[in-house]
Amino acid sequence: MLISRMLRRLRTDFQLSILTLMGAIGVIGISPYAVYRLMEGNYLVGAADVVIVSSTIGAVLYAWRTGDTVKPGIAVSVIFSAASTLITIKLGINGLFWIYPLIIFNFFMVSPGKALLAMLLVVGTLCTYALSVPGTVFESHYQMVSFLVTSLMASIMSFIFAYRSYNQRDQLQLLAVLDPLTGARNRRAMNEELKIAASVQRRHGDSYAVLVMDLDHFKQINDQHGHLAGDQVLMDFVQLIKHSSRKEDRLFRFGGEEFLLLLPNTDLTSLRIAAEHLQRQVAEHLQGPGGPVSMSSGGAVLQRGEHWEAMLQRADSCLYQAKDSGRNRAVIDPREQS
């Protein structure tokens, strides 16, 4: 059971899986060297190896416990870079081989910009020390220049690859939670946000409310003017709602012409004011090919300890009351947060 939960978490959290994998490789690869060097009496380098291994284990455990992979990644990258620099200074040419795995490691652990900066500092430190104390790190200037060129080439190519990978992953994550037509968040994102809102409310007592909105007679727009005209109305509606609501409010599309607005820090009075404001904005400014387009809406405030689906059902029920009452109006569930 525990193993299956861990595997599921690794499958769903890319950065945690990378941190865990690279951490395991680092621990397995460096531990034998730490033991060997300590047994040989090379205590400084052996201690550096021990610091690398122990910090890696600590960072991975911290990431698993807290879910934060950014700070552990940065910490491990800094420790690995400093320790690798020290090891190379002590071992000379034999330590340089560890710089190339370090390049790859850093670009996996932290953002491309931070990884490139770390490698420039490592390479710059080694070359500066070699020029200050000739014969310690490199056997000749030619050897130093060769290392400088190859390490910088490897760092730059890794930077390009990592930068493109980060951008592509960000785009994929964004596409996974956005409605491709309107740019509003989709139903998957809505469910996650509502779960988080309910959790925050249970822990800290924060108030949340939702407003479910439905465009009136939208099917007639599609039937009479075509789906392209209907799509334009949906896009205009989303832009209007975003412009007319607060920055912290979250808009989701979870049906054809149905949308949900999640309003944090909102009580019953604030919800009613927001609903009336949005009703006016839509009625006055949303235009379709056949004239003005109105909306019906229903709202509810999340009750203490209430499941988010129950709040959504209450808001949806209010929406249908608004439709049955003639449309172009907002109906709000009268229950305050208890």
C-alpha atoms as a PDB file:
ATOM      1  CA  MET A   1       0.000   0.000   0.000  1.00  0.00           C
ATOM      2  CA  LEU A   2       2.780   2.421   0.943  1.00  0.00           C
ATOM      3  CA  ILE A   3       4.821   1.485  -2.117  1.00  0.00           C
ATOM      4  CA  SER A   4       1.840   1.980  -4.425  1.00  0.00           C
ATOM      5  CA  ARG A   5       1.188   5.443  -2.956  1.00  0.00           C
ATOM      6  CA  MET A   6       4.848   6.363  -3.405  1.00  0.00           C
ATOM      7  CA  LEU A   7       4.847   5.180  -7.011  1.00  0.00           C
ATOM      8  CA  ARG A   8       1.656   7.082  -7.734  1.00  0.00           C
ATOM      9  CA  ARG A   9       3.172  10.234  -6.273  1.00  0.00           C
ATOM     10  CA  LEU A  10       6.303   9.804  -8.378  1.00  0.00           C
ATOM     11  CA  ARG A  11       4.166   9.448 -11.501  1.00  0.00           C
ATOM     12  CA  THR A  12       2.221  12.639 -10.797  1.00  0.00           C
ATOM     13  CA  ASP A  13       5.055  14.859  -9.492  1.00  0.00           C
ATOM     14  CA  PHE A  14       7.752  15.227 -12.151  1.00  0.00           C
ATOM     15  CA  GLN A  15      10.155  17.352 -10.107  1.00  0.00           C
ATOM     16  CA  LEU A  16       9.931  15.043  -7.101  1.00  0.00           C
ATOM     17  CA  SER A  17      10.675  12.030  -9.307  1.00  0.00           C
ATOM     18  CA  ILE A  18      13.729  13.805 -10.774  1.00  0.00           C
ATOM     19  CA  LEU A  19      14.969  14.832  -7.320  1.00  0.00           C
ATOM     20  CA  THR A  20      14.505  11.285  -6.035  1.00  0.00           C
ATOM     21  CA  LEU A  21      16.174   9.670  -9.053  1.00  0.00           C
ATOM     22  CA  MET A  22      19.158  12.022  -9.119  1.00  0.00           C
ATOM     23  CA  GLY A  23      19.473  11.762  -5.347  1.00  0.00           C
ATOM     24  CA  ALA A  24      19.527   7.974  -5.503  1.00  0.00           C
ATOM     25  CA  ILE A  25      22.148   8.036  -8.269  1.00  0.00           C
ATOM     26  CA  GLY A  26      24.254  10.474  -6.267  1.00  0.00           C
ATOM     27  CA  VAL A  27      24.073   8.456  -3.050  1.00  0.00           C
ATOM     28  CA  ILE A  28      24.805   5.134  -4.778  1.00  0.00           C
ATOM     29  CA  GLY A  29      27.610   6.597  -6.878  1.00  0.00           C
ATOM     30  CA  ILE A  30      29.393   8.643  -4.203  1.00  0.00           C
ATOM     31  CA  SER A  31      29.013   6.486  -1.067  1.00  0.00           C
ATOM     32  CA  PRO A  32      31.718   3.954  -2.079  1.00  0.00           C
ATOM     33  CA  TYR A  33      34.148   6.813  -2.751  1.00  0.00           C
ATOM     34  CA  ALA A  34      33.400   8.314   0.665  1.00  0.00           C
ATOM     35  CA  VAL A  35      34.185   5.014   2.394  1.00  0.00           C
ATOM     36  CA  TYR A  36      37.340   4.426   0.319  1.00  0.00           C
ATOM     37  CA  ARG A  37      38.760   7.914   0.886  1.00  0.00           C
ATOM     38  CA  LEU A  38      38.104   7.821   4.616  1.00  0.00           C
ATOM     39  CA  MET A  39      39.791   4.418   4.838  1.00  0.00           C
ATOM     40  CA  GLU A  40      42.760   5.755   2.856  1.00  0.00           C
ATOM     41  CA  GLY A  41      43.114   8.689   5.250  1.00  0.00           C
ATOM     42  CA  ASN A  42      41.990  11.338   2.765  1.00  0.00           C
ATOM     43  CA  TYR A  43      39.711  12.842   5.381  1.00  0.00           C
ATOM     44  CA  LEU A  44      38.954  16.211   3.762  1.00  0.00           C
ATOM     45  CA  VAL A  45      37.746  14.752   0.468  1.00  0.00           C
ATOM     46  CA  GLY A  46      36.042  11.896   2.298  1.00  0.00           C
ATOM     47  CA  ALA A  47      34.222  14.399   4.518  1.00  0.00           C
ATOM     48  CA  ALA A  48      33.101  16.277   1.417  1.00  0.00           C
ATOM     49  CA  ASP A  49      31.705  13.035   0.012  1.00  0.00           C
ATOM     50  CA  VAL A  50      29.869  12.381   3.287  1.00  0.00           C
ATOM     51  CA  VAL A  51      28.370  15.883   3.205  1.00  0.00           C
ATOM     52  CA  ILE A  52      27.150  15.296  -0.345  1.00  0.00           C
ATOM     53  CA  VAL A  53      25.552  11.956   0.541  1.00  0.00           C
ATOM     54  CA  SER A  54      23.941  13.119   3.786  1.00  0.00           C
ATOM     55  CA  SER A  55      22.637  16.392   2.297  1.00  0.00           C
ATOM     56  CA  THR A  56      21.176  14.505  -0.637  1.00  0.00           C
ATOM     57  CA  ILE A  57      19.324  12.089   1.632  1.00  0.00           C
ATOM     58  CA  GLY A  58      18.086  14.965   3.789  1.00  0.00           C
ATOM     59  CA  ALA A  59      16.891  16.969   0.790  1.00  0.00           C
ATOM     60  CA  VAL A  60      14.990  14.043  -0.713  1.00  0.00           C
ATOM     61  CA  LEU A  61      13.319  13.255   2.621  1.00  0.00           C
ATOM     62  CA  TYR A  62      12.388  16.930   3.049  1.00  0.00           C
ATOM     63  CA  ALA A  63      10.855  17.022  -0.438  1.00  0.00           C
ATOM     64  CA  TRP A  64       8.820  13.881   0.235  1.00  0.00           C
ATOM     65  CA  ARG A  65       7.575  15.200   3.559  1.00  0.00           C
ATOM     66  CA  THR A  66       6.710  18.762   2.520  1.00  0.00           C
ATOM     67  CA  GLY A  67       6.083  18.478  -1.223  1.00  0.00           C
ATOM     68  CA  ASP A  68       8.518  21.368  -1.772  1.00  0.00           C
ATOM     69  CA  THR A  69      11.138  20.419  -4.368  1.00  0.00           C
ATOM     70  CA  VAL A  70      12.495  23.906  -5.100  1.00  0.00           C
ATOM     71  CA  LYS A  71      14.403  24.620  -1.887  1.00  0.00           C
ATOM     72  CA  PRO A  72      15.865  21.075  -1.602  1.00  0.00           C
ATOM     73  CA  GLY A  73      16.946  21.233  -5.240  1.00  0.00           C
ATOM     74  CA  ILE A  74      18.741  24.527  -4.742  1.00  0.00           C
ATOM     75  CA  ALA A  75      20.343  23.347  -1.494  1.00  0.00           C
ATOM     76  CA  VAL A  76      21.647  20.120  -3.033  1.00  0.00           C
ATOM     77  CA  SER A  77      22.890  21.974  -6.122  1.00  0.00           C
ATOM     78  CA  VAL A  78      24.860  24.432  -3.974  1.00  0.00           C
ATOM     79  CA  ILE A  79      26.336  21.668  -1.790  1.00  0.00           C
ATOM     80  CA  PHE A  80      27.212  19.461  -4.774  1.00  0.00           C
ATOM     81  CA  SER A  81      28.844  22.387  -6.609  1.00  0.00           C
ATOM     82  CA  ALA A  82      30.892  23.487  -3.602  1.00  0.00           C
ATOM     83  CA  ALA A  83      31.928  19.943  -2.683  1.00  0.00           C
ATOM     84  CA  SER A  84      32.852  19.061  -6.278  1.00  0.00           C
ATOM     85  CA  THR A  85      34.980  22.210  -6.495  1.00  0.00           C
ATOM     86  CA  LEU A  86      36.764  21.308  -3.266  1.00  0.00           C
ATOM     87  CA  ILE A  87      37.300  17.703  -4.361  1.00  0.00           C
ATOM     88  CA  THR A  88      38.721  18.825  -7.715  1.00  0.00           C
ATOM     89  CA  ILE A  89      41.130  21.238  -6.021  1.00  0.00           C
ATOM     90  CA  LYS A  90      42.350  18.472  -3.712  1.00  0.00           C
ATOM     91  CA  LEU A  91      42.540  15.671  -6.295  1.00  0.00           C
ATOM     92  CA  GLY A  92      43.649  17.695  -9.306  1.00  0.00           C
ATOM     93  CA  ILE A  93      43.095  16.181 -12.728  1.00  0.00           C
ATOM     94  CA  ASN A  94      41.388  13.099 -11.253  1.00  0.00           C
ATOM     95  CA  GLY A  95      38.691  15.296  -9.719  1.00  0.00           C
ATOM     96  CA  LEU A  96      37.811  17.010 -12.985  1.00  0.00           C
ATOM     97  CA  PHE A  97      35.839  13.984 -14.138  1.00  0.00           C
ATOM     98  CA  TRP A  98      33.214  14.805 -11.496  1.00  0.00           C
ATOM     99  CA  ILE A  99      32.507  18.213 -13.019  1.00  0.00           C
ATOM    100  CA  TYR A 100      30.730  16.788 -16.059  1.00  0.00           C
ATOM    101  CA  PRO A 101      28.167  14.740 -14.072  1.00  0.00           C
ATOM    102  CA  LEU A 102      27.738  17.871 -11.939  1.00  0.00           C
ATOM    103  CA  ILE A 103      26.743  19.845 -15.033  1.00  0.00           C
ATOM    104  CA  ILE A 104      23.986  17.367 -15.864  1.00  0.00           C
ATOM    105  CA  PHE A 105      22.933  17.103 -12.227  1.00  0.00           C
ATOM    106  CA  ASN A 106      22.528  20.859 -11.776  1.00  0.00           C
ATOM    107  CA  PHE A 107      20.425  21.279 -14.893  1.00  0.00           C
ATOM    108  CA  PHE A 108      18.068  18.583 -13.604  1.00  0.00           C
ATOM    109  CA  MET A 109      17.854  19.950 -10.070  1.00  0.00           C
ATOM    110  CA  VAL A 110      17.328  23.693 -10.530  1.00  0.00           C
ATOM    111  CA  SER A 111      16.114  26.123 -13.176  1.00  0.00           C
ATOM    112  CA  PRO A 112      18.317  26.547 -16.275  1.00  0.00           C
ATOM    113  CA  GLY A 113      19.448  30.037 -15.269  1.00  0.00           C
ATOM    114  CA  LYS A 114      20.503  28.980 -11.761  1.00  0.00           C
ATOM    115  CA  ALA A 115      22.248  25.868 -13.120  1.00  0.00           C
ATOM    116  CA  LEU A 116      24.233  27.887 -15.656  1.00  0.00           C
ATOM    117  CA  LEU A 117      25.226  30.388 -12.968  1.00  0.00           C
ATOM    118  CA  ALA A 118      26.357  27.554 -10.676  1.00  0.00           C
ATOM    119  CA  MET A 119      28.519  26.028 -13.403  1.00  0.00           C
ATOM    120  CA  LEU A 120      30.085  29.368 -14.315  1.00  0.00           C
ATOM    121  CA  LEU A 121      31.012  29.846 -10.657  1.00  0.00           C
ATOM    122  CA  VAL A 122      32.477  26.331 -10.413  1.00  0.00           C
ATOM    123  CA  VAL A 123      34.501  26.611 -13.617  1.00  0.00           C
ATOM    124  CA  GLY A 124      35.582  30.162 -12.780  1.00  0.00           C
ATOM    125  CA  THR A 125      36.701  29.132  -9.281  1.00  0.00           C
ATOM    126  CA  LEU A 126      38.723  26.187 -10.574  1.00  0.00           C
ATOM    127  CA  CYS A 127      40.454  28.220 -13.263  1.00  0.00           C
ATOM    128  CA  THR A 128      41.173  31.092 -10.872  1.00  0.00           C
ATOM    129  CA  TYR A 129      42.673  28.717  -8.304  1.00  0.00           C
ATOM    130  CA  ALA A 130      44.712  26.956 -10.991  1.00  0.00           C
ATOM    131  CA  LEU A 131      46.187  30.267 -12.149  1.00  0.00           C
ATOM    132  CA  SER A 132      46.915  31.299  -8.556  1.00  0.00           C
ATOM    133  CA  VAL A 133      48.531  27.970  -7.616  1.00  0.00           C
ATOM    134  CA  PRO A 134      50.001  26.494 -10.840  1.00  0.00           C
ATOM    135  CA  GLY A 135      50.254  22.731 -11.127  1.00  0.00           C
ATOM    136  CA  THR A 136      47.553  21.928  -8.536  1.00  0.00           C
ATOM    137  CA  VAL A 137      44.458  21.410 -10.673  1.00  0.00           C
ATOM    138  CA  PHE A 138      45.825  21.315 -14.233  1.00  0.00           C
ATOM    139  CA  GLU A 139      49.160  20.060 -15.478  1.00  0.00           C
ATOM    140  CA  SER A 140      49.395  22.804 -18.119  1.00  0.00           C
ATOM    141  CA  HIS A 141      47.625  25.890 -19.428  1.00  0.00           C
ATOM    142  CA  TYR A 142      46.638  23.899 -22.516  1.00  0.00           C
ATOM    143  CA  GLN A 143      44.877  21.382 -20.277  1.00  0.00           C
ATOM    144  CA  MET A 144      43.083  24.190 -18.429  1.00  0.00           C
ATOM    145  CA  VAL A 145      41.912  25.796 -21.671  1.00  0.00           C
ATOM    146  CA  SER A 146      40.668  22.413 -22.942  1.00  0.00           C
ATOM    147  CA  PHE A 147      38.702  21.888 -19.742  1.00  0.00           C
ATOM    148  CA  LEU A 148      37.333  25.437 -19.874  1.00  0.00           C
ATOM    149  CA  VAL A 149      36.123  25.049 -23.465  1.00  0.00           C
ATOM    150  CA  THR A 150      34.587  21.574 -23.046  1.00  0.00           C
ATOM    151  CA  SER A 151      32.885  22.347 -19.723  1.00  0.00           C
ATOM    152  CA  LEU A 152      31.427  25.595 -21.059  1.00  0.00           C
ATOM    153  CA  MET A 153      30.224  23.832 -24.207  1.00  0.00           C
ATOM    154  CA  ALA A 154      28.560  21.142 -22.092  1.00  0.00           C
ATOM    155  CA  SER A 155      26.987  23.790 -19.824  1.00  0.00           C
ATOM    156  CA  ILE A 156      25.648  25.879 -22.713  1.00  0.00           C
ATOM    157  CA  MET A 157      24.197  22.873 -24.540  1.00  0.00           C
ATOM    158  CA  SER A 158      22.638  21.636 -21.302  1.00  0.00           C
ATOM    159  CA  PHE A 159      21.215  25.111 -20.714  1.00  0.00           C
ATOM    160  CA  ILE A 160      19.583  25.173 -24.152  1.00  0.00           C
ATOM    161  CA  PHE A 161      18.098  21.708 -23.694  1.00  0.00           C
ATOM    162  CA  ALA A 162      16.893  22.426 -20.137  1.00  0.00           C
ATOM    163  CA  TYR A 163      15.439  25.809 -21.117  1.00  0.00           C
ATOM    164  CA  ARG A 164      13.412  24.299 -23.941  1.00  0.00           C
ATOM    165  CA  SER A 165      12.297  21.412 -21.744  1.00  0.00           C
ATOM    166  CA  TYR A 166      11.164  23.780 -18.985  1.00  0.00           C
ATOM    167  CA  ASN A 167       9.193  25.885 -21.459  1.00  0.00           C
ATOM    168  CA  GLN A 168       7.562  22.861 -23.052  1.00  0.00           C
ATOM    169  CA  ARG A 169       6.645  21.388 -19.686  1.00  0.00           C
ATOM    170  CA  ASP A 170       5.167  24.706 -18.550  1.00  0.00           C
ATOM    171  CA  GLN A 171       3.136  24.923 -21.744  1.00  0.00           C
ATOM    172  CA  LEU A 172       1.861  21.367 -21.327  1.00  0.00           C
ATOM    173  CA  GLN A 173       0.898  22.047 -17.715  1.00  0.00           C
ATOM    174  CA  LEU A 174      -0.883  25.200 -18.796  1.00  0.00           C
ATOM    175  CA  LEU A 175      -2.743  23.419 -21.595  1.00  0.00           C
ATOM    176  CA  ALA A 176      -3.810  20.715 -19.147  1.00  0.00           C
ATOM    177  CA  VAL A 177      -5.761  23.202 -17.031  1.00  0.00           C
ATOM    178  CA  LEU A 178      -6.995  25.725 -19.625  1.00  0.00           C
ATOM    179  CA  ASP A 179     -10.014  25.660 -21.894  1.00  0.00           C
ATOM    180  CA  PRO A 180      -8.462  25.981 -25.380  1.00  0.00           C
ATOM    181  CA  LEU A 181     -11.223  28.212 -26.752  1.00  0.00           C
ATOM    182  CA  THR A 182     -11.788  30.819 -24.058  1.00  0.00           C
ATOM    183  CA  GLY A 183      -8.584  30.688 -21.994  1.00  0.00           C
ATOM    184  CA  ALA A 184     -10.580  30.129 -18.803  1.00  0.00           C
ATOM    185  CA  ARG A 185      -9.496  27.276 -16.556  1.00  0.00           C
ATOM    186  CA  ASN A 186     -11.133  23.944 -17.334  1.00  0.00           C
ATOM    187  CA  ARG A 187     -13.143  21.535 -15.206  1.00  0.00           C
ATOM    188  CA  ARG A 188     -10.097  19.574 -14.052  1.00  0.00           C
ATOM    189  CA  ALA A 189      -8.554  22.760 -12.673  1.00  0.00           C
ATOM    190  CA  MET A 190     -11.901  23.737 -11.160  1.00  0.00           C
ATOM    191  CA  ASN A 191     -12.187  20.518  -9.181  1.00  0.00           C
ATOM    192  CA  GLU A 192      -8.650  20.905  -7.849  1.00  0.00           C
ATOM    193  CA  GLU A 193      -9.173  24.558  -6.886  1.00  0.00           C
ATOM    194  CA  LEU A 194     -12.445  23.766  -5.113  1.00  0.00           C
ATOM    195  CA  LYS A 195     -10.790  20.934  -3.191  1.00  0.00           C
ATOM    196  CA  ILE A 196      -8.036  23.301  -2.092  1.00  0.00           C
ATOM    197  CA  ALA A 197     -10.580  25.957  -1.094  1.00  0.00           C
ATOM    198  CA  ALA A 198     -12.492  23.468   1.059  1.00  0.00           C
ATOM    199  CA  SER A 199      -9.243  22.301   2.678  1.00  0.00           C
ATOM    200  CA  VAL A 200      -8.105  25.865   3.425  1.00  0.00           C
ATOM    201  CA  GLN A 201     -11.518  26.699   4.855  1.00  0.00           C
ATOM    202  CA  ARG A 202     -11.406  23.696   7.195  1.00  0.00           C
ATOM    203  CA  ARG A 203      -7.891  24.525   8.410  1.00  0.00           C
ATOM    204  CA  HIS A 204      -7.953  28.303   8.609  1.00  0.00           C
ATOM    205  CA  GLY A 205     -11.605  29.323   8.416  1.00  0.00           C
ATOM    206  CA  ASP A 206     -11.188  31.384   5.228  1.00  0.00           C
ATOM    207  CA  SER A 207     -14.415  32.226   3.434  1.00  0.00           C
ATOM    208  CA  TYR A 208     -15.078  31.115  -0.146  1.00  0.00           C
ATOM    209  CA  ALA A 209     -18.011  31.502  -2.475  1.00  0.00           C
ATOM    210  CA  VAL A 210     -18.895  30.375  -5.974  1.00  0.00           C
ATOM    211  CA  LEU A 211     -21.017  31.904  -8.703  1.00  0.00           C
ATOM    212  CA  VAL A 212     -22.296  29.573 -11.426  1.00  0.00           C
ATOM    213  CA  MET A 213     -23.096  31.492 -14.631  1.00  0.00           C
ATOM    214  CA  ASP A 214     -24.978  30.409 -17.741  1.00  0.00           C
ATOM    215  CA  LEU A 215     -25.494  32.456 -20.903  1.00  0.00           C
ATOM    216  CA  ASP A 216     -29.197  32.883 -21.679  1.00  0.00           C
ATOM    217  CA  HIS A 217     -30.526  31.365 -24.913  1.00  0.00           C
ATOM    218  CA  PHE A 218     -27.018  30.557 -26.093  1.00  0.00           C
ATOM    219  CA  LYS A 219     -28.226  27.667 -28.254  1.00  0.00           C
ATOM    220  CA  GLN A 220     -30.161  30.144 -30.389  1.00  0.00           C
ATOM    221  CA  ILE A 221     -26.935  31.995 -31.194  1.00  0.00           C
ATOM    222  CA  ASN A 222     -25.331  28.799 -32.459  1.00  0.00           C
ATOM    223  CA  ASP A 223     -28.442  27.738 -34.387  1.00  0.00           C
ATOM    224  CA  GLN A 224     -29.124  31.126 -36.001  1.00  0.00           C
ATOM    225  CA  HIS A 225     -25.622  32.506 -36.522  1.00  0.00           C
ATOM    226  CA  GLY A 226     -23.302  29.495 -36.449  1.00  0.00           C
ATOM    227  CA  HIS A 227     -20.805  28.097 -34.002  1.00  0.00           C
ATOM    228  CA  LEU A 228     -18.106  30.615 -34.882  1.00  0.00           C
ATOM    229  CA  ALA A 229     -20.384  33.410 -33.719  1.00  0.00           C
ATOM    230  CA  GLY A 230     -21.168  31.445 -30.571  1.00  0.00           C
ATOM    231  CA  ASP A 231     -17.478  30.891 -29.908  1.00  0.00           C
ATOM    232  CA  GLN A 232     -16.836  34.625 -30.200  1.00  0.00           C
ATOM    233  CA  VAL A 233     -19.566  35.343 -27.645  1.00  0.00           C
ATOM    234  CA  LEU A 234     -17.978  32.856 -25.235  1.00  0.00           C
ATOM    235  CA  MET A 235     -14.539  34.448 -25.650  1.00  0.00           C
ATOM    236  CA  ASP A 236     -15.990  37.944 -25.168  1.00  0.00           C
ATOM    237  CA  PHE A 237     -17.855  36.756 -22.072  1.00  0.00           C
ATOM    238  CA  VAL A 238     -14.683  35.376 -20.482  1.00  0.00           C
ATOM    239  CA  GLN A 239     -12.756  38.584 -21.131  1.00  0.00           C
ATOM    240  CA  LEU A 240     -15.618  40.643 -19.701  1.00  0.00           C
ATOM    241  CA  ILE A 241     -15.845  38.548 -16.511  1.00  0.00           C
ATOM    242  CA  LYS A 242     -12.075  38.624 -15.993  1.00  0.00           C
ATOM    243  CA  HIS A 243     -12.027  42.382 -16.460  1.00  0.00           C
ATOM    244  CA  SER A 244     -14.990  42.880 -14.108  1.00  0.00           C
ATOM    245  CA  SER A 245     -13.844  40.611 -11.258  1.00  0.00           C
ATOM    246  CA  ARG A 246     -10.923  40.732  -8.822  1.00  0.00           C
ATOM    247  CA  LYS A 247      -7.464  39.445  -9.623  1.00  0.00           C
ATOM    248  CA  GLU A 248      -7.746  36.730  -6.975  1.00  0.00           C
ATOM    249  CA  ASP A 249     -11.036  35.394  -8.389  1.00  0.00           C
ATOM    250  CA  ARG A 250     -10.765  32.282 -10.562  1.00  0.00           C
ATOM    251  CA  LEU A 251     -12.917  31.682 -13.650  1.00  0.00           C
ATOM    252  CA  PHE A 252     -13.593  28.165 -14.949  1.00  0.00           C
ATOM    253  CA  ARG A 253     -15.511  26.789 -17.904  1.00  0.00           C
ATOM    254  CA  PHE A 254     -17.135  23.499 -16.971  1.00  0.00           C
ATOM    255  CA  GLY A 255     -19.840  23.178 -19.619  1.00  0.00           C
ATOM    256  CA  GLY A 256     -20.741  24.467 -23.064  1.00  0.00           C
ATOM    257  CA  GLU A 257     -21.894  27.918 -21.948  1.00  0.00           C
ATOM    258  CA  GLU A 258     -21.625  27.302 -18.210  1.00  0.00           C
ATOM    259  CA  PHE A 259     -18.918  28.955 -16.152  1.00  0.00           C
ATOM    260  CA  LEU A 260     -17.982  29.090 -12.493  1.00  0.00           C
ATOM    261  CA  LEU A 261     -16.308  31.939 -10.651  1.00  0.00           C
ATOM    262  CA  LEU A 262     -14.515  31.047  -7.414  1.00  0.00           C
ATOM    263  CA  LEU A 263     -14.343  34.019  -5.059  1.00  0.00           C
ATOM    264  CA  PRO A 264     -11.964  33.775  -2.072  1.00  0.00           C
ATOM    265  CA  ASN A 265     -12.461  35.936   1.015  1.00  0.00           C
ATOM    266  CA  THR A 266     -16.116  36.462   0.120  1.00  0.00           C
ATOM    267  CA  ASP A 267     -19.082  36.354   2.482  1.00  0.00           C
ATOM    268  CA  LEU A 268     -22.777  36.357   1.612  1.00  0.00           C
ATOM    269  CA  THR A 269     -23.065  40.139   1.318  1.00  0.00           C
ATOM    270  CA  SER A 270     -19.954  40.395  -0.860  1.00  0.00           C
ATOM    271  CA  LEU A 271     -21.201  37.544  -3.053  1.00  0.00           C
ATOM    272  CA  ARG A 272     -24.500  39.320  -3.677  1.00  0.00           C
ATOM    273  CA  ILE A 273     -22.704  42.550  -4.565  1.00  0.00           C
ATOM    274  CA  ALA A 274     -20.347  40.715  -6.926  1.00  0.00           C
ATOM    275  CA  ALA A 275     -23.225  38.817  -8.587  1.00  0.00           C
ATOM    276  CA  GLU A 276     -25.242  41.994  -9.170  1.00  0.00           C
ATOM    277  CA  HIS A 277     -22.178  43.780 -10.536  1.00  0.00           C
ATOM    278  CA  LEU A 278     -21.415  41.003 -13.012  1.00  0.00           C
ATOM    279  CA  GLN A 279     -25.065  40.784 -14.060  1.00  0.00           C
ATOM    280  CA  ARG A 280     -25.023  44.481 -14.964  1.00  0.00           C
ATOM    281  CA  GLN A 281     -21.694  44.237 -16.779  1.00  0.00           C
ATOM    282  CA  VAL A 282     -22.864  41.342 -18.941  1.00  0.00           C
ATOM    283  CA  ALA A 283     -26.266  42.862 -19.667  1.00  0.00           C
ATOM    284  CA  GLU A 284     -24.717  46.198 -20.660  1.00  0.00           C
ATOM    285  CA  HIS A 285     -21.590  45.133 -22.510  1.00  0.00           C
ATOM    286  CA  LEU A 286     -21.889  41.588 -23.909  1.00  0.00           C
ATOM    287  CA  GLN A 287     -23.014  41.657 -27.516  1.00  0.00           C
ATOM    288  CA  GLY A 288     -23.830  38.815 -29.877  1.00  0.00           C
ATOM    289  CA  PRO A 289     -24.622  38.897 -33.597  1.00  0.00           C
ATOM    290  CA  GLY A 290     -28.305  39.256 -32.764  1.00  0.00           C
ATOM    291  CA  GLY A 291     -27.955  41.891 -30.063  1.00  0.00           C
ATOM    292  CA  PRO A 292     -27.238  41.944 -26.296  1.00  0.00           C
ATOM    293  CA  VAL A 293     -26.595  38.663 -24.488  1.00  0.00           C
ATOM    294  CA  SER A 294     -27.595  38.210 -20.850  1.00  0.00           C
ATOM    295  CA  MET A 295     -26.760  35.572 -18.266  1.00  0.00           C
ATOM    296  CA  SER A 296     -28.375  33.791 -15.355  1.00  0.00           C
ATOM    297  CA  SER A 297     -26.352  32.972 -12.264  1.00  0.00           C
ATOM    298  CA  GLY A 298     -26.572  31.174  -8.953  1.00  0.00           C
ATOM    299  CA  GLY A 299     -24.271  31.566  -5.983  1.00  0.00           C
ATOM    300  CA  ALA A 300     -23.452  29.966  -2.656  1.00  0.00           C
ATOM    301  CA  VAL A 301     -21.020  30.474   0.215  1.00  0.00           C
ATOM    302  CA  LEU A 302     -18.988  27.503   1.407  1.00  0.00           C
ATOM    303  CA  GLN A 303     -20.207  26.370   4.833  1.00  0.00           C
ATOM    304  CA  ARG A 304     -17.748  25.316   7.521  1.00  0.00           C
ATOM    305  CA  GLY A 305     -16.867  21.662   7.033  1.00  0.00           C
ATOM    306  CA  GLU A 306     -19.010  21.431   3.898  1.00  0.00           C
ATOM    307  CA  HIS A 307     -17.824  19.359   0.936  1.00  0.00           C
ATOM    308  CA  TRP A 308     -17.170  21.528  -2.098  1.00  0.00           C
ATOM    309  CA  GLU A 309     -19.567  19.458  -4.217  1.00  0.00           C
ATOM    310  CA  ALA A 310     -22.417  20.306  -1.826  1.00  0.00           C
ATOM    311  CA  MET A 311     -21.674  24.027  -2.257  1.00  0.00           C
ATOM    312  CA  LEU A 312     -21.607  23.556  -6.024  1.00  0.00           C
ATOM    313  CA  GLN A 313     -24.960  21.771  -5.947  1.00  0.00           C
ATOM    314  CA  ARG A 314     -26.521  24.612  -3.968  1.00  0.00           C
ATOM    315  CA  ALA A 315     -25.183  27.185  -6.421  1.00  0.00           C
ATOM    316  CA  ASP A 316     -26.405  25.110  -9.357  1.00  0.00           C
ATOM    317  CA  SER A 317     -29.857  24.867  -7.793  1.00  0.00           C
ATOM    318  CA  CYS A 318     -29.917  28.659  -7.484  1.00  0.00           C
ATOM    319  CA  LEU A 319     -28.949  28.938 -11.143  1.00  0.00           C
ATOM    320  CA  TYR A 320     -31.972  26.888 -12.168  1.00  0.00           C
ATOM    321  CA  GLN A 321     -34.164  29.085  -9.966  1.00  0.00           C
ATOM    322  CA  ALA A 322     -32.822  32.113 -11.831  1.00  0.00           C
ATOM    323  CA  LYS A 323     -33.653  30.481 -15.161  1.00  0.00           C
ATOM    324  CA  ASP A 324     -37.145  29.475 -14.036  1.00  0.00           C
ATOM    325  CA  SER A 325     -37.761  33.037 -12.797  1.00  0.00           C
ATOM    326  CA  GLY A 326     -37.273  34.554 -16.231  1.00  0.00           C
ATOM    327  CA  ARG A 327     -33.467  34.492 -16.703  1.00  0.00           C
ATOM    328  CA  ASN A 328     -31.129  37.507 -16.714  1.00  0.00           C
ATOM    329  CA  ARG A 329     -30.900  37.504 -12.927  1.00  0.00           C
ATOM    330  CA  ALA A 330     -28.842  36.166 -10.033  1.00  0.00           C
ATOM    331  CA  VAL A 331     -30.169  33.985  -7.218  1.00  0.00           C
ATOM    332  CA  ILE A 332     -27.966  33.527  -4.167  1.00  0.00           C
ATOM    333  CA  ASP A 333     -28.354  30.789  -1.547  1.00  0.00           C
ATOM    334  CA  PRO A 334     -29.202  32.671   1.683  1.00  0.00           C
ATOM    335  CA  ARG A 335     -26.991  30.591   3.976  1.00  0.00           C
ATOM    336  CA  GLU A 336     -24.087  32.474   5.548  1.00  0.00           C
ATOM    337  CA  GLN A 337     -20.824  30.715   6.394  1.00  0.00           C
ATOM    338  CA  SER A 338     -21.494  28.970   9.696  1.00  0.00           C
END
